[in-house]
Amino acid sequence: MKHKTEGKRLTRKLTALRQDAWRLMHAPMAAQHRWFAAVLRGHYGYYGRPHNYPALNGFHRQMRRIWLQCLRRRSQKSRRMGWSEFETLTARFPLPTPRITRTWAQARI
């Protein structure tokens, strides 16, 4: 049996995260990175099941997009920030990569 993240849950979670990210928009970069990394680790821990990697990767990509949009809104200078500048920033503040955290061998509850 293949497990997949339900689309409505994913959409609802991304909407809530977008609102929280807007609240953290002007926080220091280190604080933003800690928050985004914690959200991703928690998501991977809960939804990291076999055959769910495409949904995990999609969530990771959307979180990166949300972070870039928040950084672009911080000031007038940063509105020009593109993906190449964002890549150099995420090299300094790396986000956790999607991974399967739960295996088939784990006991079912």
N, C-alpha and C. Protein backbone atom coordinates (compact mmCIF):
# COMPACT_ATOMS: atom_id res chain seq x y z
N MET A 1 0.84 -1.18 0.00
CA MET A 1 0.00 0.00 0.00
C MET A 1 0.89 1.25 0.00
N LYS A 2 0.64 2.13 -0.93
CA LYS A 2 1.43 3.34 -1.03
C LYS A 2 0.78 4.46 -0.22
N HIS A 3 1.62 5.20 0.48
CA HIS A 3 1.13 6.33 1.28
C HIS A 3 1.51 7.62 0.57
N LYS A 4 0.57 8.55 0.54
CA LYS A 4 0.79 9.82 -0.12
C LYS A 4 0.14 10.92 0.71
N THR A 5 0.80 12.07 0.80
CA THR A 5 0.25 13.20 1.52
C THR A 5 -1.02 13.68 0.82
N GLU A 6 -2.06 13.87 1.59
CA GLU A 6 -3.33 14.33 1.02
C GLU A 6 -3.18 15.78 0.54
N GLY A 7 -3.67 16.05 -0.63
CA GLY A 7 -3.52 17.37 -1.25
C GLY A 7 -4.12 18.50 -0.44
N LYS A 8 -5.30 18.26 0.15
CA LYS A 8 -5.94 19.32 0.94
C LYS A 8 -5.13 19.65 2.18
N ARG A 9 -4.55 18.64 2.81
CA ARG A 9 -3.71 18.90 3.99
C ARG A 9 -2.48 19.69 3.62
N LEU A 10 -1.88 19.33 2.49
CA LEU A 10 -0.68 20.01 2.05
C LEU A 10 -0.98 21.48 1.73
N THR A 11 -2.07 21.74 1.05
CA THR A 11 -2.46 23.11 0.72
C THR A 11 -2.76 23.91 1.97
N ARG A 12 -3.47 23.31 2.91
CA ARG A 12 -3.81 23.99 4.16
C ARG A 12 -2.54 24.33 4.95
N LYS A 13 -1.59 23.39 4.99
CA LYS A 13 -0.35 23.62 5.72
C LYS A 13 0.48 24.71 5.06
N LEU A 14 0.57 24.70 3.75
CA LEU A 14 1.35 25.73 3.07
C LEU A 14 0.73 27.12 3.24
N THR A 15 -0.57 27.20 3.27
CA THR A 15 -1.24 28.49 3.49
C THR A 15 -0.92 29.02 4.89
N ALA A 16 -0.98 28.14 5.89
CA ALA A 16 -0.67 28.55 7.26
C ALA A 16 0.81 28.94 7.38
N LEU A 17 1.68 28.20 6.73
CA LEU A 17 3.11 28.51 6.79
C LEU A 17 3.42 29.83 6.10
N ARG A 18 2.72 30.12 5.03
CA ARG A 18 2.92 31.39 4.33
C ARG A 18 2.57 32.56 5.26
N GLN A 19 1.51 32.43 6.01
CA GLN A 19 1.12 33.49 6.95
C GLN A 19 2.15 33.63 8.07
N ASP A 20 2.65 32.51 8.59
CA ASP A 20 3.67 32.58 9.63
C ASP A 20 4.97 33.15 9.09
N ALA A 21 5.31 32.83 7.87
CA ALA A 21 6.54 33.35 7.27
C ALA A 21 6.45 34.87 7.10
N TRP A 22 5.27 35.38 6.77
CA TRP A 22 5.11 36.83 6.64
C TRP A 22 5.33 37.51 7.98
N ARG A 23 4.95 36.85 9.08
CA ARG A 23 5.18 37.42 10.41
C ARG A 23 6.67 37.48 10.74
N LEU A 24 7.44 36.53 10.23
CA LEU A 24 8.88 36.47 10.49
C LEU A 24 9.70 37.21 9.44
N MET A 25 9.06 37.92 8.55
CA MET A 25 9.74 38.51 7.40
C MET A 25 10.93 39.37 7.81
N HIS A 26 10.81 40.17 8.83
CA HIS A 26 11.87 41.10 9.20
C HIS A 26 12.73 40.59 10.34
N ALA A 27 12.59 39.32 10.69
CA ALA A 27 13.46 38.72 11.70
C ALA A 27 14.85 38.49 11.09
N PRO A 28 15.87 38.34 11.92
CA PRO A 28 17.21 38.07 11.36
C PRO A 28 17.22 36.77 10.55
N MET A 29 18.16 36.70 9.62
CA MET A 29 18.24 35.54 8.74
C MET A 29 18.43 34.24 9.51
N ALA A 30 19.23 34.27 10.57
CA ALA A 30 19.47 33.06 11.35
C ALA A 30 18.19 32.56 11.99
N ALA A 31 17.37 33.48 12.49
CA ALA A 31 16.10 33.09 13.11
C ALA A 31 15.14 32.53 12.06
N GLN A 32 15.10 33.15 10.89
CA GLN A 32 14.26 32.63 9.82
C GLN A 32 14.72 31.24 9.42
N HIS A 33 16.01 31.05 9.28
CA HIS A 33 16.55 29.75 8.88
C HIS A 33 16.19 28.68 9.91
N ARG A 34 16.35 29.00 11.19
CA ARG A 34 16.00 28.03 12.25
C ARG A 34 14.54 27.62 12.15
N TRP A 35 13.66 28.59 11.91
CA TRP A 35 12.23 28.30 11.84
C TRP A 35 11.90 27.45 10.62
N PHE A 36 12.41 27.82 9.44
CA PHE A 36 12.14 27.05 8.24
C PHE A 36 12.71 25.64 8.35
N ALA A 37 13.90 25.50 8.92
CA ALA A 37 14.51 24.18 9.07
C ALA A 37 13.70 23.31 10.04
N ALA A 38 13.21 23.91 11.12
CA ALA A 38 12.40 23.15 12.07
C ALA A 38 11.10 22.68 11.44
N VAL A 39 10.47 23.55 10.65
CA VAL A 39 9.23 23.17 9.97
C VAL A 39 9.47 22.02 9.01
N LEU A 40 10.55 22.10 8.24
CA LEU A 40 10.85 21.03 7.29
C LEU A 40 11.19 19.72 7.99
N ARG A 41 11.98 19.77 9.07
CA ARG A 41 12.31 18.54 9.80
C ARG A 41 11.06 17.89 10.38
N GLY A 42 10.16 18.70 10.91
CA GLY A 42 8.91 18.17 11.45
C GLY A 42 8.04 17.54 10.36
N HIS A 43 7.98 18.19 9.23
CA HIS A 43 7.18 17.66 8.12
C HIS A 43 7.77 16.35 7.62
N TYR A 44 9.08 16.28 7.49
CA TYR A 44 9.72 15.04 7.04
C TYR A 44 9.54 13.93 8.07
N GLY A 45 9.56 14.29 9.35
CA GLY A 45 9.38 13.28 10.37
C GLY A 45 7.98 12.68 10.36
N TYR A 46 6.98 13.49 10.05
CA TYR A 46 5.60 13.00 10.07
C TYR A 46 5.21 12.35 8.76
N TYR A 47 5.55 12.98 7.64
CA TYR A 47 5.11 12.49 6.33
C TYR A 47 6.18 11.70 5.59
N GLY A 48 7.34 11.48 6.20
CA GLY A 48 8.44 10.81 5.53
C GLY A 48 8.26 9.31 5.45
N ARG A 49 7.32 8.86 4.64
CA ARG A 49 7.03 7.44 4.46
C ARG A 49 7.48 6.99 3.08
N PRO A 50 7.71 5.70 2.92
CA PRO A 50 8.08 5.21 1.59
C PRO A 50 7.02 5.58 0.55
N HIS A 51 7.46 5.89 -0.63
CA HIS A 51 6.64 6.28 -1.78
C HIS A 51 6.07 7.69 -1.65
N ASN A 52 6.45 8.45 -0.63
CA ASN A 52 5.93 9.80 -0.47
C ASN A 52 6.99 10.85 -0.79
N TYR A 53 8.09 10.44 -1.38
CA TYR A 53 9.16 11.39 -1.68
C TYR A 53 8.71 12.52 -2.62
N PRO A 54 7.92 12.27 -3.65
CA PRO A 54 7.50 13.40 -4.51
C PRO A 54 6.74 14.48 -3.73
N ALA A 55 5.91 14.10 -2.78
CA ALA A 55 5.18 15.09 -1.99
C ALA A 55 6.14 15.84 -1.05
N LEU A 56 7.12 15.14 -0.49
CA LEU A 56 8.11 15.79 0.36
C LEU A 56 8.95 16.79 -0.44
N ASN A 57 9.34 16.39 -1.63
CA ASN A 57 10.12 17.28 -2.48
C ASN A 57 9.30 18.50 -2.90
N GLY A 58 8.03 18.30 -3.20
CA GLY A 58 7.16 19.43 -3.55
C GLY A 58 7.00 20.40 -2.39
N PHE A 59 6.88 19.87 -1.18
CA PHE A 59 6.77 20.72 0.01
C PHE A 59 8.06 21.51 0.20
N HIS A 60 9.20 20.86 0.01
CA HIS A 60 10.50 21.53 0.14
C HIS A 60 10.62 22.67 -0.88
N ARG A 61 10.23 22.41 -2.11
CA ARG A 61 10.31 23.44 -3.15
C ARG A 61 9.38 24.61 -2.84
N GLN A 62 8.19 24.33 -2.35
CA GLN A 62 7.25 25.40 -2.01
C GLN A 62 7.75 26.23 -0.83
N MET A 63 8.38 25.58 0.15
CA MET A 63 8.93 26.32 1.29
C MET A 63 10.06 27.24 0.84
N ARG A 64 10.90 26.77 -0.08
CA ARG A 64 11.96 27.63 -0.62
C ARG A 64 11.36 28.82 -1.34
N ARG A 65 10.30 28.58 -2.09
CA ARG A 65 9.63 29.66 -2.82
C ARG A 65 9.03 30.69 -1.86
N ILE A 66 8.41 30.20 -0.79
CA ILE A 66 7.82 31.10 0.22
C ILE A 66 8.91 31.95 0.86
N TRP A 67 10.05 31.32 1.19
CA TRP A 67 11.14 32.06 1.83
C TRP A 67 11.68 33.13 0.88
N LEU A 68 11.85 32.79 -0.38
CA LEU A 68 12.34 33.77 -1.35
C LEU A 68 11.36 34.93 -1.49
N GLN A 69 10.07 34.65 -1.52
CA GLN A 69 9.08 35.72 -1.63
C GLN A 69 9.14 36.64 -0.41
N CYS A 70 9.33 36.08 0.76
CA CYS A 70 9.44 36.90 1.98
C CYS A 70 10.69 37.75 1.95
N LEU A 71 11.79 37.17 1.48
CA LEU A 71 13.03 37.95 1.41
C LEU A 71 12.92 39.07 0.38
N ARG A 72 12.22 38.83 -0.69
CA ARG A 72 12.04 39.88 -1.70
C ARG A 72 11.21 41.04 -1.19
N ARG A 73 10.36 40.80 -0.23
CA ARG A 73 9.48 41.84 0.30
C ARG A 73 10.11 42.63 1.45
N ARG A 74 11.31 42.25 1.88
CA ARG A 74 11.92 42.90 3.03
C ARG A 74 12.29 44.36 2.76
N SER A 75 12.82 44.64 1.61
CA SER A 75 13.23 46.02 1.29
C SER A 75 13.17 46.21 -0.21
N GLN A 76 13.39 47.44 -0.63
CA GLN A 76 13.34 47.72 -2.06
C GLN A 76 14.55 47.15 -2.78
N LYS A 77 15.69 47.07 -2.09
CA LYS A 77 16.88 46.52 -2.72
C LYS A 77 16.73 45.02 -2.98
N SER A 78 16.11 44.33 -2.03
CA SER A 78 16.03 42.87 -2.16
C SER A 78 14.95 42.43 -3.14
N ARG A 79 14.17 43.33 -3.67
CA ARG A 79 13.15 42.94 -4.66
C ARG A 79 13.79 42.37 -5.92
N ARG A 80 15.04 42.74 -6.16
CA ARG A 80 15.74 42.24 -7.33
C ARG A 80 16.38 40.88 -7.10
N MET A 81 16.27 40.34 -5.88
CA MET A 81 16.91 39.06 -5.59
C MET A 81 16.32 37.97 -6.47
N GLY A 82 17.18 37.27 -7.16
CA GLY A 82 16.76 36.18 -8.02
C GLY A 82 17.15 34.84 -7.41
N TRP A 83 16.93 33.80 -8.18
CA TRP A 83 17.24 32.46 -7.67
C TRP A 83 18.73 32.27 -7.48
N SER A 84 19.56 32.90 -8.28
CA SER A 84 21.01 32.72 -8.12
C SER A 84 21.49 33.32 -6.80
N GLU A 85 20.98 34.51 -6.45
CA GLU A 85 21.33 35.11 -5.15
C GLU A 85 20.76 34.28 -4.01
N PHE A 86 19.58 33.75 -4.22
CA PHE A 86 18.96 32.92 -3.18
C PHE A 86 19.76 31.63 -2.98
N GLU A 87 20.32 31.08 -4.05
CA GLU A 87 21.14 29.87 -3.93
C GLU A 87 22.40 30.14 -3.11
N THR A 88 23.02 31.31 -3.29
CA THR A 88 24.20 31.63 -2.48
C THR A 88 23.80 31.81 -1.02
N LEU A 89 22.61 32.37 -0.79
CA LEU A 89 22.13 32.52 0.58
C LEU A 89 21.84 31.18 1.23
N THR A 90 21.22 30.26 0.48
CA THR A 90 20.93 28.95 1.06
C THR A 90 22.17 28.08 1.16
N ALA A 91 23.26 28.47 0.49
CA ALA A 91 24.53 27.77 0.73
C ALA A 91 25.05 28.10 2.12
N ARG A 92 24.78 29.32 2.56
CA ARG A 92 25.18 29.72 3.92
C ARG A 92 24.19 29.22 4.96
N PHE A 93 22.92 29.24 4.63
CA PHE A 93 21.85 28.76 5.51
C PHE A 93 21.14 27.59 4.83
N PRO A 94 21.71 26.40 4.85
CA PRO A 94 21.10 25.28 4.11
C PRO A 94 19.83 24.77 4.79
N LEU A 95 18.85 24.44 3.98
CA LEU A 95 17.62 23.84 4.46
C LEU A 95 17.75 22.32 4.38
N PRO A 96 17.10 21.59 5.29
CA PRO A 96 17.18 20.13 5.22
C PRO A 96 16.57 19.60 3.93
N THR A 97 17.22 18.62 3.34
CA THR A 97 16.72 18.03 2.11
C THR A 97 15.65 17.00 2.43
N PRO A 98 14.72 16.77 1.51
CA PRO A 98 13.67 15.78 1.77
C PRO A 98 14.26 14.38 1.94
N ARG A 99 13.74 13.65 2.89
CA ARG A 99 14.21 12.29 3.08
C ARG A 99 13.12 11.45 3.72
N ILE A 100 13.20 10.16 3.48
CA ILE A 100 12.25 9.21 4.06
C ILE A 100 12.75 8.88 5.47
N THR A 101 11.94 9.18 6.46
CA THR A 101 12.35 8.96 7.85
C THR A 101 11.70 7.72 8.44
N ARG A 102 10.64 7.24 7.86
CA ARG A 102 9.97 6.05 8.38
C ARG A 102 10.07 4.94 7.34
N THR A 103 10.40 3.76 7.79
CA THR A 103 10.60 2.64 6.87
C THR A 103 9.42 1.66 6.99
N TRP A 104 9.42 0.70 6.09
CA TRP A 104 8.38 -0.33 6.13
C TRP A 104 8.55 -1.19 7.37
N ALA A 105 9.76 -1.31 7.88
CA ALA A 105 10.04 -2.23 8.99
C ALA A 105 9.52 -1.72 10.32
N GLN A 106 9.17 -0.46 10.43
CA GLN A 106 8.71 0.08 11.71
C GLN A 106 7.35 -0.49 12.05
N ALA A 107 7.12 -0.67 13.33
CA ALA A 107 5.87 -1.25 13.80
C ALA A 107 4.69 -0.32 13.49
N ARG A 108 3.60 -0.91 13.11
CA ARG A 108 2.39 -0.12 12.83
C ARG A 108 1.57 0.04 14.11
N ILE A 109 0.98 1.20 14.23
CA ILE A 109 0.19 1.47 15.44
C ILE A 109 -1.27 1.32 15.13
